[in-house]
Amino acid sequence: MFTGTAHPDEAARFALWLNTSEEALMLLAEKANPYPATRTGASLPVYAQGVEFYGGQRVHAVFAQAATQVTPGSL
């Protein structure tokens, strides 16, 4: 799974934390502003705030509305 590391167990635990921990999701949301891949992630309080990069606009509300138009599995 993690063939490029001498510490595969630690890498797996980190990947799990990074993608499931509310703490990690909040840090990612606050620092990188990616749109979350899950509805649960989109409900984090940080996504209700304005984004400095966009002049303080609440762009995630627009993204959330657009996400309702996506059919799951339609890639």
C-alpha atoms as a PDB file:
ATOM      1  CA  MET A   1       0.000   0.000   0.000  1.00  0.00           C
ATOM      2  CA  PHE A   2       2.642   2.548   1.054  1.00  0.00           C
ATOM      3  CA  THR A   3       5.634   1.118  -0.794  1.00  0.00           C
ATOM      4  CA  GLY A   4       7.568   4.391  -0.876  1.00  0.00           C
ATOM      5  CA  THR A   5       8.032   4.634   2.876  1.00  0.00           C
ATOM      6  CA  ALA A   6      10.034   2.844   5.523  1.00  0.00           C
ATOM      7  CA  HIS A   7       7.085   3.381   7.897  1.00  0.00           C
ATOM      8  CA  PRO A   8       3.954   1.977   6.215  1.00  0.00           C
ATOM      9  CA  ASP A   9       1.969   1.570   9.447  1.00  0.00           C
ATOM     10  CA  GLU A  10       2.579   5.169  10.460  1.00  0.00           C
ATOM     11  CA  ALA A  11       1.775   6.370   6.921  1.00  0.00           C
ATOM     12  CA  ALA A  12      -1.532   4.485   6.979  1.00  0.00           C
ATOM     13  CA  ARG A  13      -2.464   5.907  10.384  1.00  0.00           C
ATOM     14  CA  PHE A  14      -1.584   9.422   9.200  1.00  0.00           C
ATOM     15  CA  ALA A  15      -3.671   9.025   6.031  1.00  0.00           C
ATOM     16  CA  LEU A  16      -6.610   7.817   8.106  1.00  0.00           C
ATOM     17  CA  TRP A  17      -6.276  10.753  10.519  1.00  0.00           C
ATOM     18  CA  LEU A  18      -5.871  13.254   7.679  1.00  0.00           C
ATOM     19  CA  ASN A  19      -9.066  12.133   5.958  1.00  0.00           C
ATOM     20  CA  THR A  20     -11.349  11.337   8.890  1.00  0.00           C
ATOM     21  CA  SER A  21     -10.359  13.440  11.892  1.00  0.00           C
ATOM     22  CA  GLU A  22     -12.432  16.561  12.480  1.00  0.00           C
ATOM     23  CA  GLU A  23      -9.242  18.258  13.683  1.00  0.00           C
ATOM     24  CA  ALA A  24      -7.446  17.489  10.408  1.00  0.00           C
ATOM     25  CA  LEU A  25     -10.456  18.419   8.278  1.00  0.00           C
ATOM     26  CA  MET A  26     -10.738  21.762  10.088  1.00  0.00           C
ATOM     27  CA  LEU A  27      -7.037  22.479   9.567  1.00  0.00           C
ATOM     28  CA  LEU A  28      -7.305  21.664   5.863  1.00  0.00           C
ATOM     29  CA  ALA A  29     -10.425  23.791   5.515  1.00  0.00           C
ATOM     30  CA  GLU A  30      -8.897  26.757   7.319  1.00  0.00           C
ATOM     31  CA  LYS A  31      -5.480  26.650   5.653  1.00  0.00           C
ATOM     32  CA  ALA A  32      -6.061  25.258   2.165  1.00  0.00           C
ATOM     33  CA  ASN A  33      -9.784  25.900   1.557  1.00  0.00           C
ATOM     34  CA  PRO A  34     -10.459  22.781  -0.506  1.00  0.00           C
ATOM     35  CA  TYR A  35     -14.077  21.852  -1.045  1.00  0.00           C
ATOM     36  CA  PRO A  36     -14.727  18.727   1.054  1.00  0.00           C
ATOM     37  CA  ALA A  37     -15.353  15.397  -0.634  1.00  0.00           C
ATOM     38  CA  THR A  38     -18.194  14.448   1.714  1.00  0.00           C
ATOM     39  CA  ARG A  39     -21.431  15.999   2.903  1.00  0.00           C
ATOM     40  CA  THR A  40     -20.223  15.539   6.472  1.00  0.00           C
ATOM     41  CA  GLY A  41     -17.107  17.542   5.678  1.00  0.00           C
ATOM     42  CA  ALA A  42     -19.205  20.275   4.088  1.00  0.00           C
ATOM     43  CA  SER A  43     -21.106  20.685   7.346  1.00  0.00           C
ATOM     44  CA  LEU A  44     -18.000  21.807   9.273  1.00  0.00           C
ATOM     45  CA  PRO A  45     -18.513  25.327  10.686  1.00  0.00           C
ATOM     46  CA  VAL A  46     -15.552  26.731   8.778  1.00  0.00           C
ATOM     47  CA  TYR A  47     -17.456  26.276   5.501  1.00  0.00           C
ATOM     48  CA  ALA A  48     -20.148  28.702   6.656  1.00  0.00           C
ATOM     49  CA  GLN A  49     -17.567  31.491   6.919  1.00  0.00           C
ATOM     50  CA  GLY A  50     -16.254  33.781   4.254  1.00  0.00           C
ATOM     51  CA  VAL A  51     -12.962  32.939   2.564  1.00  0.00           C
ATOM     52  CA  GLU A  52     -10.267  35.623   2.686  1.00  0.00           C
ATOM     53  CA  PHE A  53      -8.880  34.582  -0.715  1.00  0.00           C
ATOM     54  CA  TYR A  54     -12.284  35.402  -2.249  1.00  0.00           C
ATOM     55  CA  GLY A  55     -12.603  38.766  -0.538  1.00  0.00           C
ATOM     56  CA  GLY A  56     -14.490  37.328   2.413  1.00  0.00           C
ATOM     57  CA  GLN A  57     -17.289  35.922   0.261  1.00  0.00           C
ATOM     58  CA  ARG A  58     -19.069  32.785   1.427  1.00  0.00           C
ATOM     59  CA  VAL A  59     -18.157  30.824  -1.676  1.00  0.00           C
ATOM     60  CA  HIS A  60     -18.753  27.445  -0.066  1.00  0.00           C
ATOM     61  CA  ALA A  61     -22.496  28.148  -0.079  1.00  0.00           C
ATOM     62  CA  VAL A  62     -22.287  28.397  -3.868  1.00  0.00           C
ATOM     63  CA  PHE A  63     -20.212  25.225  -4.047  1.00  0.00           C
ATOM     64  CA  ALA A  64     -22.689  23.393  -1.792  1.00  0.00           C
ATOM     65  CA  GLN A  65     -25.597  24.404  -4.029  1.00  0.00           C
ATOM     66  CA  ALA A  66     -23.698  23.270  -7.123  1.00  0.00           C
ATOM     67  CA  ALA A  67     -22.869  19.960  -5.430  1.00  0.00           C
ATOM     68  CA  THR A  68     -26.591  19.136  -5.241  1.00  0.00           C
ATOM     69  CA  GLN A  69     -26.554  18.947  -9.038  1.00  0.00           C
ATOM     70  CA  VAL A  70     -23.935  16.176  -9.124  1.00  0.00           C
ATOM     71  CA  THR A  71     -25.204  12.648  -9.623  1.00  0.00           C
ATOM     72  CA  PRO A  72     -23.205  10.220  -7.472  1.00  0.00           C
ATOM     73  CA  GLY A  73     -21.117   7.883  -9.590  1.00  0.00           C
ATOM     74  CA  SER A  74     -21.423  10.064 -12.679  1.00  0.00           C
ATOM     75  CA  LEU A  75     -17.721  10.533 -13.307  1.00  0.00           C
END
